[in-house]
C-alpha atoms as a PDB file:
ATOM      1  CA  LYS A   1     -30.766 -10.103  41.351  1.00  0.00           C
ATOM      2  CA  LYS A   2     -30.183 -13.491  39.747  1.00  0.00           C
ATOM      3  CA  LYS A   3     -32.146 -12.484  36.641  1.00  0.00           C
ATOM      4  CA  LYS A   4     -30.034  -9.375  36.311  1.00  0.00           C
ATOM      5  CA  LYS A   5     -26.822 -11.428  36.344  1.00  0.00           C
ATOM      6  CA  LYS A   6     -28.222 -13.839  33.764  1.00  0.00           C
ATOM      7  CA  LYS A   7     -29.237 -10.946  31.553  1.00  0.00           C
ATOM      8  CA  LYS A   8     -25.753  -9.428  31.812  1.00  0.00           C
ATOM      9  CA  LYS A   9     -24.142 -12.753  30.943  1.00  0.00           C
ATOM     10  CA  LYS A  10     -26.468 -13.161  27.981  1.00  0.00           C
ATOM     11  CA  GLU A  11     -25.620  -9.654  26.737  1.00  0.00           C
ATOM     12  CA  MET A  12     -21.919 -10.379  27.064  1.00  0.00           C
ATOM     13  CA  ILE A  13     -22.262 -13.636  25.147  1.00  0.00           C
ATOM     14  CA  GLU A  14     -24.297 -12.012  22.376  1.00  0.00           C
ATOM     15  CA  LYS A  15     -21.741  -9.269  21.814  1.00  0.00           C
ATOM     16  CA  LYS A  16     -19.406 -10.442  19.116  1.00  0.00           C
ATOM     17  CA  ALA A  17     -15.950  -9.097  18.580  1.00  0.00           C
ATOM     18  CA  PRO A  18     -15.564  -7.058  15.409  1.00  0.00           C
ATOM     19  CA  LYS A  19     -14.215  -9.028  12.471  1.00  0.00           C
ATOM     20  CA  LYS A  20     -10.555  -8.247  12.000  1.00  0.00           C
ATOM     21  CA  TYR A  21      -8.293  -8.984   9.097  1.00  0.00           C
ATOM     22  CA  GLY A  22      -5.661 -11.558   9.882  1.00  0.00           C
ATOM     23  CA  THR A  23      -2.036 -11.526   8.891  1.00  0.00           C
ATOM     24  CA  TRP A  24      -2.745 -12.933   5.444  1.00  0.00           C
ATOM     25  CA  ASN A  25      -5.678 -10.703   4.432  1.00  0.00           C
ATOM     26  CA  GLY A  26      -4.585  -7.624   6.316  1.00  0.00           C
ATOM     27  CA  VAL A  27      -0.886  -7.579   5.491  1.00  0.00           C
ATOM     28  CA  PHE A  28       0.381  -9.998   2.868  1.00  0.00           C
ATOM     29  CA  VAL A  29      -2.388  -9.553   0.304  1.00  0.00           C
ATOM     30  CA  ASN A  30      -2.194  -5.747   0.413  1.00  0.00           C
ATOM     31  CA  VAL A  31       1.582  -5.701   0.139  1.00  0.00           C
ATOM     32  CA  LEU A  32       1.657  -8.229  -2.703  1.00  0.00           C
ATOM     33  CA  ILE A  33      -0.978  -6.298  -4.641  1.00  0.00           C
ATOM     34  CA  SER A  34       1.138  -3.158  -4.303  1.00  0.00           C
ATOM     35  CA  ILE A  35       4.376  -4.891  -5.277  1.00  0.00           C
ATOM     36  CA  LEU A  36       2.961  -6.901  -8.164  1.00  0.00           C
ATOM     37  CA  GLY A  37       0.858  -4.044  -9.490  1.00  0.00           C
ATOM     38  CA  VAL A  38       1.288  -1.837 -12.506  1.00  0.00           C
ATOM     39  CA  ILE A  39       4.997  -1.208 -12.130  1.00  0.00           C
ATOM     40  CA  MET A  40       5.928  -4.884 -12.108  1.00  0.00           C
ATOM     41  CA  PHE A  41       3.941  -5.913 -15.156  1.00  0.00           C
ATOM     42  CA  LEU A  42       3.693  -2.830 -17.361  1.00  0.00           C
ATOM     43  CA  ARG A  43       6.728  -0.678 -16.637  1.00  0.00           C
ATOM     44  CA  LEU A  44       9.657  -3.081 -16.252  1.00  0.00           C
ATOM     45  CA  ALA A  45      10.151  -3.528 -19.995  1.00  0.00           C
ATOM     46  CA  PHE A  46       9.985   0.245 -20.473  1.00  0.00           C
ATOM     47  CA  VAL A  47      12.610   0.843 -17.769  1.00  0.00           C
ATOM     48  CA  VAL A  48      14.941  -1.822 -19.175  1.00  0.00           C
ATOM     49  CA  GLY A  49      14.512  -0.400 -22.678  1.00  0.00           C
ATOM     50  CA  GLU A  50      15.172   3.186 -21.624  1.00  0.00           C
ATOM     51  CA  ALA A  51      17.887   2.708 -18.989  1.00  0.00           C
ATOM     52  CA  GLY A  52      19.533  -0.525 -20.100  1.00  0.00           C
ATOM     53  CA  LEU A  53      20.087  -3.716 -18.148  1.00  0.00           C
ATOM     54  CA  PRO A  54      22.962  -2.535 -15.883  1.00  0.00           C
ATOM     55  CA  TYR A  55      21.062   0.567 -14.745  1.00  0.00           C
ATOM     56  CA  PHE A  56      17.903  -1.489 -14.346  1.00  0.00           C
ATOM     57  CA  ILE A  57      19.743  -3.823 -11.960  1.00  0.00           C
ATOM     58  CA  VAL A  58      20.992  -0.790  -9.989  1.00  0.00           C
ATOM     59  CA  ILE A  59      17.439   0.615  -9.848  1.00  0.00           C
ATOM     60  CA  LEU A  60      16.099  -2.759  -8.717  1.00  0.00           C
ATOM     61  CA  PHE A  61      18.776  -3.062  -6.012  1.00  0.00           C
ATOM     62  CA  LEU A  62      18.141   0.466  -4.697  1.00  0.00           C
ATOM     63  CA  SER A  63      14.381  -0.113  -4.690  1.00  0.00           C
ATOM     64  CA  THR A  64      14.843  -3.343  -2.747  1.00  0.00           C
ATOM     65  CA  LEU A  65      17.166  -1.601  -0.282  1.00  0.00           C
ATOM     66  CA  VAL A  66      14.695   1.227   0.347  1.00  0.00           C
ATOM     67  CA  THR A  67      11.826  -1.244   0.773  1.00  0.00           C
ATOM     68  CA  CYS A  68      13.774  -3.400   3.234  1.00  0.00           C
ATOM     69  CA  LEU A  69      14.935  -0.423   5.315  1.00  0.00           C
ATOM     70  CA  THR A  70      11.392   0.947   5.432  1.00  0.00           C
ATOM     71  CA  SER A  71      10.001  -2.432   6.475  1.00  0.00           C
ATOM     72  CA  LEU A  72      12.592  -2.836   9.230  1.00  0.00           C
ATOM     73  CA  SER A  73      11.963   0.682  10.543  1.00  0.00           C
ATOM     74  CA  LEU A  74       8.203   0.215  10.537  1.00  0.00           C
ATOM     75  CA  SER A  75       8.490  -3.156  12.272  1.00  0.00           C
ATOM     76  CA  ALA A  76      10.627  -1.542  14.990  1.00  0.00           C
ATOM     77  CA  ILE A  77       7.976   1.146  15.470  1.00  0.00           C
ATOM     78  CA  CYS A  78       5.159  -1.427  15.500  1.00  0.00           C
ATOM     79  CA  SER A  79       6.794  -3.541  18.170  1.00  0.00           C
ATOM     80  CA  ASN A  80       6.886  -0.698  20.716  1.00  0.00           C
ATOM     81  CA  GLY A  81       3.558  -1.616  22.247  1.00  0.00           C
ATOM     82  CA  LEU A  82      -0.136  -2.147  21.746  1.00  0.00           C
ATOM     83  CA  GLN A  83      -1.472  -0.057  18.882  1.00  0.00           C
ATOM     84  CA  LYS A  84      -5.073   0.941  18.425  1.00  0.00           C
ATOM     85  CA  GLY A  85      -6.732   1.396  15.052  1.00  0.00           C
ATOM     86  CA  GLY A  86      -5.959   4.318  12.818  1.00  0.00           C
ATOM     87  CA  GLY A  87      -3.443   3.118  10.289  1.00  0.00           C
ATOM     88  CA  ALA A  88       0.176   3.974   9.674  1.00  0.00           C
ATOM     89  CA  TYR A  89      -0.107   7.695  10.477  1.00  0.00           C
ATOM     90  CA  TYR A  90      -1.756   7.070  13.852  1.00  0.00           C
ATOM     91  CA  MET A  91       0.872   4.513  14.793  1.00  0.00           C
ATOM     92  CA  ILE A  92       3.824   6.671  13.718  1.00  0.00           C
ATOM     93  CA  SER A  93       2.529   9.892  15.285  1.00  0.00           C
ATOM     94  CA  ARG A  94       1.834   8.172  18.626  1.00  0.00           C
ATOM     95  CA  THR A  95       5.201   6.408  18.703  1.00  0.00           C
ATOM     96  CA  ILE A  96       7.632   8.992  17.316  1.00  0.00           C
ATOM     97  CA  GLY A  97       5.705  12.198  17.950  1.00  0.00           C
ATOM     98  CA  PRO A  98       3.191  14.426  16.219  1.00  0.00           C
ATOM     99  CA  HIS A  99       5.694  16.555  14.265  1.00  0.00           C
ATOM    100  CA  ILE A 100       7.551  13.671  12.664  1.00  0.00           C
ATOM    101  CA  GLY A 101       4.270  11.790  12.314  1.00  0.00           C
ATOM    102  CA  THR A 102       2.802  14.694  10.349  1.00  0.00           C
ATOM    103  CA  ALA A 103       5.815  14.844   8.029  1.00  0.00           C
ATOM    104  CA  ILE A 104       5.683  11.106   7.416  1.00  0.00           C
ATOM    105  CA  GLY A 105       1.902  11.264   6.971  1.00  0.00           C
ATOM    106  CA  LEU A 106       2.315  13.890   4.255  1.00  0.00           C
ATOM    107  CA  LEU A 107       4.923  11.736   2.517  1.00  0.00           C
ATOM    108  CA  LEU A 108       2.593   8.735   2.717  1.00  0.00           C
ATOM    109  CA  SER A 109      -0.183  10.806   1.130  1.00  0.00           C
ATOM    110  CA  ILE A 110       2.082  12.002  -1.680  1.00  0.00           C
ATOM    111  CA  GLY A 111       3.324   8.460  -2.272  1.00  0.00           C
ATOM    112  CA  MET A 112      -0.221   7.133  -2.421  1.00  0.00           C
ATOM    113  CA  SER A 113      -1.165   9.878  -4.891  1.00  0.00           C
ATOM    114  CA  VAL A 114       1.733   8.910  -7.157  1.00  0.00           C
ATOM    115  CA  ALA A 115       0.767   5.235  -6.898  1.00  0.00           C
ATOM    116  CA  ILE A 116      -2.845   6.027  -7.816  1.00  0.00           C
ATOM    117  CA  ALA A 117      -1.685   8.053 -10.832  1.00  0.00           C
ATOM    118  CA  SER A 118       0.524   5.141 -11.874  1.00  0.00           C
ATOM    119  CA  TYR A 119      -2.377   2.709 -11.587  1.00  0.00           C
ATOM    120  CA  ILE A 120      -4.610   4.982 -13.682  1.00  0.00           C
ATOM    121  CA  ILE A 121      -1.947   5.265 -16.397  1.00  0.00           C
ATOM    122  CA  GLY A 122      -1.460   1.495 -16.368  1.00  0.00           C
ATOM    123  CA  PHE A 123      -5.208   0.921 -16.646  1.00  0.00           C
ATOM    124  CA  ALA A 124      -5.469   3.401 -19.526  1.00  0.00           C
ATOM    125  CA  GLU A 125      -2.554   1.782 -21.391  1.00  0.00           C
ATOM    126  CA  THR A 126      -4.055  -1.674 -20.924  1.00  0.00           C
ATOM    127  CA  MET A 127      -7.456  -0.535 -22.156  1.00  0.00           C
ATOM    128  CA  GLN A 128      -5.847   1.264 -25.101  1.00  0.00           C
ATOM    129  CA  SER A 129      -3.998  -1.858 -26.214  1.00  0.00           C
ATOM    130  CA  ASN A 130      -7.068  -4.079 -25.719  1.00  0.00           C
ATOM    131  CA  ILE A 131      -9.498  -1.787 -27.530  1.00  0.00           C
ATOM    132  CA  GLY A 132      -7.028  -0.952 -30.291  1.00  0.00           C
ATOM    133  CA  VAL A 133      -7.116   2.833 -30.035  1.00  0.00           C
ATOM    134  CA  VAL A 134      -4.291   4.574 -31.896  1.00  0.00           C
ATOM    135  CA  THR A 135      -3.184   7.796 -30.247  1.00  0.00           C
ATOM    136  CA  ASN A 136      -0.515   9.254 -32.523  1.00  0.00           C
ATOM    137  CA  SER A 137      -1.639  12.149 -34.678  1.00  0.00           C
ATOM    138  CA  ALA A 138      -0.457  10.696 -38.037  1.00  0.00           C
ATOM    139  CA  ALA A 139      -2.716   7.662 -37.688  1.00  0.00           C
ATOM    140  CA  ASN A 140      -5.656   9.840 -36.687  1.00  0.00           C
ATOM    141  CA  GLY A 141      -5.224  12.151 -39.698  1.00  0.00           C
ATOM    142  CA  VAL A 142      -4.489  15.267 -37.683  1.00  0.00           C
END
């Protein structure tokens, strides 16, 4: 009986908790990469050039407002209790309900698709300027 208890204790000691991302790696780094991504470095000059400085300031203010309201809403949802793994959709669908969770999950998927397309365009523009490829038809002799 004593050996059995020792064996159980040894098994419990040997089991390690899964490695989890902390606040810095799990939250701040991901958010900063998204914020300081393609839009910040490659598209701001384009937006200012096309819309003008006053409209750019309005766009920046509205973007900040939407981001802050979303963050406050999500933090209110997160603080409702212990959440298991599964990401944003799992948390929202379990807190608000499956119907609203599905609608928000679809919007998150569409938003991620647009972000991925933006990152691909930014990568292609960066590679084009670094390699020196000219894309207009007059320069290519077409």
